[in-house]
Amino acid sequence: MKRAVPMLLPGMLFGAGLGVSGMTNPAKVIGFLDLTGEWDPSLALVMVGAIASFSILLPLVRKRAAPILGGKMPGPPTDGFDGRLIFGAALFGIGWGLGGFCPGPALTNLGGMRIEALVFVPAMVLGMILAQRVFGADV
């Protein structure tokens, strides 16, 4: 609980950013992903903003000996690419394209009781449980 309370503000900020940027609107997301139809490039600006923020903050985070809330800094992944990563990324992309949601915006829309999220989130959770059963608990 001690760690959860300080994380509330960044979580709320992330949710608000999703809403303001349009990432919570499945039609806008699908419009961004539809490169052959009426493509909506506006979400590319959201991605550029995220990359810029990350690029600025990463060097500051790396200078820290430990995370602000304790624990230890995670190291870079060492596994590289494998079939599970490729399959998972493809499945994520297909789900994102079909549903217009990725996990963060789906949970944000769940809070608003949006019917699409009420269908998508349980399906996402079921997929996560299935992946753990098929591929093991370290998924």
N, C-alpha and C. Protein backbone atom coordinates (compact mmCIF):
# COMPACT_ATOMS: atom_id res chain seq x y z
N MET A 1 0.83 -1.20 0.00
CA MET A 1 0.00 0.00 0.00
C MET A 1 0.87 1.26 0.00
N LYS A 2 1.99 1.19 0.71
CA LYS A 2 2.88 2.34 0.79
C LYS A 2 3.39 2.76 -0.59
N ARG A 3 3.63 1.78 -1.46
CA ARG A 3 4.13 2.07 -2.82
C ARG A 3 2.99 2.43 -3.76
N ALA A 4 1.78 1.94 -3.48
CA ALA A 4 0.66 2.16 -4.39
C ALA A 4 0.20 3.61 -4.39
N VAL A 5 0.18 4.26 -3.26
CA VAL A 5 -0.33 5.63 -3.17
C VAL A 5 0.51 6.61 -4.01
N PRO A 6 1.85 6.57 -3.94
CA PRO A 6 2.61 7.50 -4.79
C PRO A 6 2.45 7.22 -6.28
N MET A 7 2.09 6.00 -6.64
CA MET A 7 1.91 5.66 -8.05
C MET A 7 0.55 6.10 -8.58
N LEU A 8 -0.33 6.53 -7.71
CA LEU A 8 -1.65 6.97 -8.12
C LEU A 8 -1.57 8.20 -9.03
N LEU A 9 -0.75 9.17 -8.69
CA LEU A 9 -0.64 10.39 -9.49
C LEU A 9 -0.11 10.11 -10.90
N PRO A 10 1.01 9.37 -11.06
CA PRO A 10 1.45 9.07 -12.43
C PRO A 10 0.41 8.26 -13.20
N GLY A 11 -0.28 7.35 -12.53
CA GLY A 11 -1.33 6.57 -13.20
C GLY A 11 -2.46 7.45 -13.68
N MET A 12 -2.87 8.41 -12.84
CA MET A 12 -3.93 9.34 -13.22
C MET A 12 -3.46 10.24 -14.37
N LEU A 13 -2.22 10.66 -14.32
CA LEU A 13 -1.65 11.49 -15.38
C LEU A 13 -1.61 10.72 -16.70
N PHE A 14 -1.22 9.44 -16.64
CA PHE A 14 -1.19 8.59 -17.82
C PHE A 14 -2.60 8.44 -18.40
N GLY A 15 -3.58 8.16 -17.54
CA GLY A 15 -4.97 8.02 -17.99
C GLY A 15 -5.49 9.29 -18.62
N ALA A 16 -5.18 10.43 -18.00
CA ALA A 16 -5.62 11.71 -18.56
C ALA A 16 -4.96 11.96 -19.91
N GLY A 17 -3.68 11.61 -20.02
CA GLY A 17 -2.97 11.76 -21.30
C GLY A 17 -3.58 10.90 -22.39
N LEU A 18 -3.99 9.69 -22.03
CA LEU A 18 -4.65 8.82 -23.00
C LEU A 18 -5.95 9.45 -23.49
N GLY A 19 -6.70 10.04 -22.56
CA GLY A 19 -7.97 10.66 -22.92
C GLY A 19 -7.79 11.89 -23.78
N VAL A 20 -6.89 12.77 -23.38
CA VAL A 20 -6.66 14.02 -24.12
C VAL A 20 -6.12 13.74 -25.53
N SER A 21 -5.28 12.71 -25.65
CA SER A 21 -4.66 12.41 -26.94
C SER A 21 -5.58 11.68 -27.91
N GLY A 22 -6.68 11.15 -27.40
CA GLY A 22 -7.60 10.40 -28.25
C GLY A 22 -7.32 8.91 -28.28
N MET A 23 -6.33 8.45 -27.50
CA MET A 23 -5.99 7.03 -27.49
C MET A 23 -7.09 6.17 -26.88
N THR A 24 -8.04 6.77 -26.19
CA THR A 24 -9.14 6.00 -25.60
C THR A 24 -10.30 5.83 -26.57
N ASN A 25 -10.21 6.44 -27.74
CA ASN A 25 -11.26 6.35 -28.74
C ASN A 25 -10.89 5.29 -29.78
N PRO A 26 -11.54 4.11 -29.74
CA PRO A 26 -11.16 3.04 -30.67
C PRO A 26 -11.24 3.47 -32.14
N ALA A 27 -12.20 4.30 -32.49
CA ALA A 27 -12.33 4.73 -33.89
C ALA A 27 -11.10 5.54 -34.32
N LYS A 28 -10.57 6.36 -33.44
CA LYS A 28 -9.38 7.16 -33.75
C LYS A 28 -8.16 6.25 -33.90
N VAL A 29 -8.05 5.26 -33.03
CA VAL A 29 -6.92 4.33 -33.09
C VAL A 29 -6.98 3.52 -34.38
N ILE A 30 -8.16 3.00 -34.71
CA ILE A 30 -8.31 2.23 -35.95
C ILE A 30 -8.03 3.12 -37.15
N GLY A 31 -8.44 4.40 -37.10
CA GLY A 31 -8.12 5.34 -38.18
C GLY A 31 -6.63 5.53 -38.33
N PHE A 32 -5.90 5.51 -37.22
CA PHE A 32 -4.44 5.64 -37.27
C PHE A 32 -3.81 4.39 -37.88
N LEU A 33 -4.37 3.23 -37.58
CA LEU A 33 -3.82 1.97 -38.06
C LEU A 33 -4.21 1.67 -39.51
N ASP A 34 -5.20 2.36 -40.02
CA ASP A 34 -5.69 2.11 -41.39
C ASP A 34 -4.86 2.91 -42.39
N LEU A 35 -3.73 2.35 -42.78
CA LEU A 35 -2.82 3.06 -43.68
C LEU A 35 -3.32 3.12 -45.12
N THR A 36 -4.22 2.22 -45.49
CA THR A 36 -4.70 2.20 -46.88
C THR A 36 -6.03 2.93 -47.06
N GLY A 37 -6.68 3.30 -45.97
CA GLY A 37 -7.96 4.00 -46.05
C GLY A 37 -7.78 5.48 -45.72
N GLU A 38 -8.67 5.98 -44.89
CA GLU A 38 -8.59 7.38 -44.45
C GLU A 38 -7.70 7.46 -43.21
N TRP A 39 -6.39 7.46 -43.45
CA TRP A 39 -5.42 7.43 -42.38
C TRP A 39 -5.47 8.70 -41.55
N ASP A 40 -5.47 8.55 -40.22
CA ASP A 40 -5.46 9.67 -39.28
C ASP A 40 -4.10 9.69 -38.60
N PRO A 41 -3.19 10.57 -39.02
CA PRO A 41 -1.82 10.57 -38.48
C PRO A 41 -1.68 11.24 -37.12
N SER A 42 -2.75 11.74 -36.54
CA SER A 42 -2.63 12.54 -35.31
C SER A 42 -2.03 11.77 -34.15
N LEU A 43 -2.24 10.46 -34.07
CA LEU A 43 -1.67 9.70 -32.95
C LEU A 43 -0.16 9.54 -33.08
N ALA A 44 0.37 9.79 -34.28
CA ALA A 44 1.83 9.76 -34.45
C ALA A 44 2.47 10.85 -33.59
N LEU A 45 1.78 11.97 -33.43
CA LEU A 45 2.30 13.04 -32.57
C LEU A 45 2.37 12.59 -31.12
N VAL A 46 1.40 11.79 -30.70
CA VAL A 46 1.42 11.23 -29.34
C VAL A 46 2.65 10.35 -29.17
N MET A 47 2.91 9.53 -30.16
CA MET A 47 4.08 8.64 -30.10
C MET A 47 5.39 9.43 -30.10
N VAL A 48 5.46 10.46 -30.92
CA VAL A 48 6.66 11.30 -30.96
C VAL A 48 6.86 11.97 -29.59
N GLY A 49 5.77 12.44 -28.99
CA GLY A 49 5.86 13.04 -27.65
C GLY A 49 6.34 12.04 -26.61
N ALA A 50 5.86 10.81 -26.70
CA ALA A 50 6.29 9.78 -25.76
C ALA A 50 7.78 9.46 -25.94
N ILE A 51 8.22 9.37 -27.19
CA ILE A 51 9.63 9.09 -27.46
C ILE A 51 10.50 10.24 -26.97
N ALA A 52 10.05 11.47 -27.18
CA ALA A 52 10.82 12.64 -26.72
C ALA A 52 10.92 12.65 -25.19
N SER A 53 9.81 12.41 -24.52
CA SER A 53 9.82 12.38 -23.05
C SER A 53 10.76 11.30 -22.54
N PHE A 54 10.66 10.12 -23.13
CA PHE A 54 11.50 9.00 -22.74
C PHE A 54 12.98 9.33 -22.96
N SER A 55 13.28 9.93 -24.11
CA SER A 55 14.67 10.27 -24.44
C SER A 55 15.26 11.27 -23.46
N ILE A 56 14.45 12.17 -22.97
CA ILE A 56 14.92 13.17 -22.01
C ILE A 56 15.07 12.57 -20.62
N LEU A 57 14.10 11.75 -20.21
CA LEU A 57 14.09 11.24 -18.85
C LEU A 57 14.99 10.02 -18.63
N LEU A 58 15.23 9.20 -19.65
CA LEU A 58 16.02 7.99 -19.47
C LEU A 58 17.42 8.27 -18.90
N PRO A 59 18.16 9.24 -19.42
CA PRO A 59 19.48 9.50 -18.83
C PRO A 59 19.39 9.89 -17.34
N LEU A 60 18.33 10.61 -16.96
CA LEU A 60 18.17 10.98 -15.55
C LEU A 60 17.88 9.76 -14.69
N VAL A 61 17.07 8.86 -15.21
CA VAL A 61 16.74 7.63 -14.47
C VAL A 61 17.97 6.76 -14.33
N ARG A 62 18.76 6.66 -15.38
CA ARG A 62 19.96 5.80 -15.34
C ARG A 62 21.01 6.30 -14.35
N LYS A 63 20.99 7.59 -14.04
CA LYS A 63 21.96 8.14 -13.09
C LYS A 63 21.64 7.76 -11.65
N ARG A 64 20.41 7.36 -11.39
CA ARG A 64 20.00 7.00 -10.03
C ARG A 64 20.56 5.64 -9.65
N ALA A 65 20.94 5.49 -8.39
CA ALA A 65 21.44 4.21 -7.89
C ALA A 65 20.29 3.23 -7.65
N ALA A 66 19.13 3.77 -7.28
CA ALA A 66 17.97 2.92 -6.98
C ALA A 66 16.70 3.69 -7.33
N PRO A 67 15.61 2.99 -7.59
CA PRO A 67 14.34 3.68 -7.85
C PRO A 67 13.90 4.52 -6.65
N ILE A 68 13.15 5.56 -6.91
CA ILE A 68 12.70 6.48 -5.85
C ILE A 68 11.91 5.74 -4.77
N LEU A 69 11.10 4.77 -5.18
CA LEU A 69 10.26 4.05 -4.21
C LEU A 69 10.90 2.78 -3.68
N GLY A 70 12.20 2.60 -3.93
CA GLY A 70 12.90 1.43 -3.41
C GLY A 70 13.03 0.33 -4.44
N GLY A 71 13.64 -0.74 -4.03
CA GLY A 71 13.88 -1.86 -4.94
C GLY A 71 15.17 -1.65 -5.70
N LYS A 72 15.29 -2.30 -6.84
CA LYS A 72 16.49 -2.12 -7.66
C LYS A 72 16.09 -1.88 -9.11
N MET A 73 16.97 -1.23 -9.82
CA MET A 73 16.73 -0.92 -11.22
C MET A 73 16.79 -2.20 -12.05
N PRO A 74 15.83 -2.40 -12.94
CA PRO A 74 15.91 -3.59 -13.80
C PRO A 74 17.01 -3.41 -14.84
N GLY A 75 17.63 -4.50 -15.21
CA GLY A 75 18.65 -4.46 -16.25
C GLY A 75 18.00 -4.60 -17.61
N PRO A 76 18.78 -4.44 -18.65
CA PRO A 76 18.23 -4.61 -20.00
C PRO A 76 17.88 -6.08 -20.24
N PRO A 77 16.90 -6.32 -21.08
CA PRO A 77 16.57 -7.72 -21.38
C PRO A 77 17.73 -8.42 -22.07
N THR A 78 17.92 -9.67 -21.74
CA THR A 78 19.06 -10.41 -22.31
C THR A 78 18.61 -11.54 -23.23
N ASP A 79 17.32 -11.79 -23.30
CA ASP A 79 16.82 -12.92 -24.05
C ASP A 79 16.83 -12.71 -25.56
N GLY A 80 16.76 -11.48 -26.01
CA GLY A 80 16.69 -11.21 -27.44
C GLY A 80 15.33 -11.58 -28.00
N PHE A 81 15.27 -11.75 -29.30
CA PHE A 81 14.02 -12.09 -29.97
C PHE A 81 13.86 -13.61 -30.02
N ASP A 82 12.65 -14.06 -29.77
CA ASP A 82 12.35 -15.48 -29.95
C ASP A 82 10.93 -15.61 -30.49
N GLY A 83 10.51 -16.81 -30.75
CA GLY A 83 9.20 -17.05 -31.33
C GLY A 83 8.06 -16.54 -30.46
N ARG A 84 8.21 -16.69 -29.14
CA ARG A 84 7.16 -16.23 -28.23
C ARG A 84 7.00 -14.72 -28.30
N LEU A 85 8.11 -13.98 -28.39
CA LEU A 85 8.03 -12.52 -28.48
C LEU A 85 7.36 -12.11 -29.80
N ILE A 86 7.76 -12.72 -30.89
CA ILE A 86 7.19 -12.38 -32.19
C ILE A 86 5.69 -12.72 -32.20
N PHE A 87 5.33 -13.91 -31.71
CA PHE A 87 3.93 -14.32 -31.67
C PHE A 87 3.11 -13.37 -30.79
N GLY A 88 3.66 -13.03 -29.62
CA GLY A 88 2.95 -12.13 -28.70
C GLY A 88 2.77 -10.74 -29.30
N ALA A 89 3.80 -10.23 -29.95
CA ALA A 89 3.71 -8.91 -30.58
C ALA A 89 2.68 -8.92 -31.70
N ALA A 90 2.67 -9.98 -32.49
CA ALA A 90 1.70 -10.09 -33.58
C ALA A 90 0.28 -10.18 -33.02
N LEU A 91 0.10 -10.98 -31.99
CA LEU A 91 -1.22 -11.12 -31.37
C LEU A 91 -1.68 -9.80 -30.76
N PHE A 92 -0.77 -9.09 -30.11
CA PHE A 92 -1.08 -7.77 -29.55
C PHE A 92 -1.52 -6.83 -30.66
N GLY A 93 -0.79 -6.80 -31.76
CA GLY A 93 -1.12 -5.92 -32.87
C GLY A 93 -2.46 -6.25 -33.50
N ILE A 94 -2.74 -7.54 -33.65
CA ILE A 94 -4.02 -7.95 -34.21
C ILE A 94 -5.16 -7.52 -33.29
N GLY A 95 -4.99 -7.75 -31.99
CA GLY A 95 -6.01 -7.34 -31.03
C GLY A 95 -6.21 -5.83 -31.02
N TRP A 96 -5.10 -5.09 -31.11
CA TRP A 96 -5.17 -3.63 -31.12
C TRP A 96 -5.91 -3.16 -32.36
N GLY A 97 -5.59 -3.77 -33.50
CA GLY A 97 -6.24 -3.37 -34.75
C GLY A 97 -7.71 -3.73 -34.79
N LEU A 98 -8.07 -4.91 -34.28
CA LEU A 98 -9.47 -5.33 -34.31
C LEU A 98 -10.32 -4.59 -33.28
N GLY A 99 -9.77 -4.43 -32.08
CA GLY A 99 -10.55 -3.82 -31.01
C GLY A 99 -10.38 -2.32 -30.89
N GLY A 100 -9.26 -1.79 -31.39
CA GLY A 100 -9.00 -0.37 -31.25
C GLY A 100 -8.50 -0.01 -29.86
N PHE A 101 -8.18 -1.01 -29.06
CA PHE A 101 -7.70 -0.78 -27.70
C PHE A 101 -6.36 -1.47 -27.50
N CYS A 102 -5.49 -0.85 -26.71
CA CYS A 102 -4.40 -1.57 -26.09
C CYS A 102 -4.73 -1.56 -24.59
N PRO A 103 -3.99 -2.25 -23.75
CA PRO A 103 -4.44 -2.43 -22.35
C PRO A 103 -4.73 -1.14 -21.57
N GLY A 104 -3.87 -0.14 -21.65
CA GLY A 104 -4.11 1.09 -20.89
C GLY A 104 -5.41 1.78 -21.25
N PRO A 105 -5.62 2.11 -22.52
CA PRO A 105 -6.88 2.72 -22.91
C PRO A 105 -8.10 1.83 -22.65
N ALA A 106 -7.92 0.52 -22.76
CA ALA A 106 -9.05 -0.38 -22.48
C ALA A 106 -9.48 -0.24 -21.03
N LEU A 107 -8.51 -0.20 -20.11
CA LEU A 107 -8.85 -0.04 -18.70
C LEU A 107 -9.44 1.35 -18.42
N THR A 108 -8.94 2.36 -19.11
CA THR A 108 -9.50 3.70 -18.96
C THR A 108 -10.96 3.71 -19.40
N ASN A 109 -11.26 3.06 -20.52
CA ASN A 109 -12.63 2.98 -21.01
C ASN A 109 -13.50 2.09 -20.15
N LEU A 110 -12.90 1.12 -19.50
CA LEU A 110 -13.66 0.26 -18.59
C LEU A 110 -14.23 1.11 -17.45
N GLY A 111 -13.44 2.06 -16.97
CA GLY A 111 -13.91 2.97 -15.93
C GLY A 111 -15.10 3.80 -16.37
N GLY A 112 -15.18 4.08 -17.68
CA GLY A 112 -16.30 4.83 -18.22
C GLY A 112 -17.45 3.94 -18.65
N MET A 113 -17.35 2.64 -18.36
CA MET A 113 -18.38 1.65 -18.69
C MET A 113 -18.71 1.62 -20.18
N ARG A 114 -17.71 1.86 -21.00
CA ARG A 114 -17.91 1.80 -22.45
C ARG A 114 -18.10 0.34 -22.86
N ILE A 115 -19.13 0.06 -23.62
CA ILE A 115 -19.51 -1.32 -23.94
C ILE A 115 -18.38 -2.10 -24.60
N GLU A 116 -17.60 -1.44 -25.49
CA GLU A 116 -16.50 -2.13 -26.14
C GLU A 116 -15.47 -2.62 -25.12
N ALA A 117 -15.20 -1.79 -24.12
CA ALA A 117 -14.24 -2.15 -23.08
C ALA A 117 -14.79 -3.26 -22.19
N LEU A 118 -16.10 -3.26 -21.97
CA LEU A 118 -16.71 -4.30 -21.15
C LEU A 118 -16.58 -5.67 -21.83
N VAL A 119 -16.41 -5.69 -23.14
CA VAL A 119 -16.18 -6.93 -23.88
C VAL A 119 -14.68 -7.20 -24.01
N PHE A 120 -13.92 -6.14 -24.34
CA PHE A 120 -12.49 -6.29 -24.63
C PHE A 120 -11.68 -6.69 -23.41
N VAL A 121 -11.90 -6.03 -22.27
CA VAL A 121 -11.08 -6.29 -21.07
C VAL A 121 -11.20 -7.73 -20.59
N PRO A 122 -12.41 -8.29 -20.45
CA PRO A 122 -12.47 -9.70 -20.06
C PRO A 122 -11.79 -10.62 -21.07
N ALA A 123 -11.91 -10.32 -22.36
CA ALA A 123 -11.23 -11.12 -23.39
C ALA A 123 -9.71 -11.00 -23.23
N MET A 124 -9.23 -9.79 -22.91
CA MET A 124 -7.80 -9.57 -22.71
C MET A 124 -7.31 -10.36 -21.49
N VAL A 125 -8.06 -10.31 -20.41
CA VAL A 125 -7.69 -11.05 -19.20
C VAL A 125 -7.69 -12.55 -19.47
N LEU A 126 -8.69 -13.02 -20.18
CA LEU A 126 -8.75 -14.44 -20.55
C LEU A 126 -7.53 -14.83 -21.39
N GLY A 127 -7.15 -13.98 -22.32
CA GLY A 127 -5.95 -14.23 -23.13
C GLY A 127 -4.69 -14.27 -22.29
N MET A 128 -4.60 -13.41 -21.29
CA MET A 128 -3.44 -13.40 -20.40
C MET A 128 -3.36 -14.69 -19.58
N ILE A 129 -4.51 -15.12 -19.08
CA ILE A 129 -4.56 -16.37 -18.31
C ILE A 129 -4.19 -17.55 -19.20
N LEU A 130 -4.73 -17.57 -20.41
CA LEU A 130 -4.42 -18.64 -21.35
C LEU A 130 -2.93 -18.66 -21.69
N ALA A 131 -2.34 -17.49 -21.90
CA ALA A 131 -0.90 -17.42 -22.21
C ALA A 131 -0.07 -17.95 -21.05
N GLN A 132 -0.46 -17.64 -19.82
CA GLN A 132 0.26 -18.17 -18.66
C GLN A 132 0.15 -19.68 -18.58
N ARG A 133 -1.01 -20.21 -18.90
CA ARG A 133 -1.21 -21.67 -18.85
C ARG A 133 -0.42 -22.37 -19.95
N VAL A 134 -0.40 -21.78 -21.13
CA VAL A 134 0.26 -22.41 -22.27
C VAL A 134 1.78 -22.24 -22.21
N PHE A 135 2.24 -21.00 -21.90
CA PHE A 135 3.66 -20.70 -21.97
C PHE A 135 4.37 -20.69 -20.63
N GLY A 136 3.65 -20.79 -19.53
CA GLY A 136 4.27 -20.79 -18.22
C GLY A 136 4.05 -19.49 -17.49
N ALA A 137 4.32 -19.51 -16.21
CA ALA A 137 4.05 -18.37 -15.33
C ALA A 137 4.94 -17.18 -15.58
N ASP A 138 6.04 -17.34 -16.29
CA ASP A 138 6.98 -16.22 -16.51
C ASP A 138 6.58 -15.34 -17.68
N VAL A 139 5.39 -15.52 -18.23
CA VAL A 139 4.94 -14.73 -19.37
C VAL A 139 4.74 -13.30 -18.95
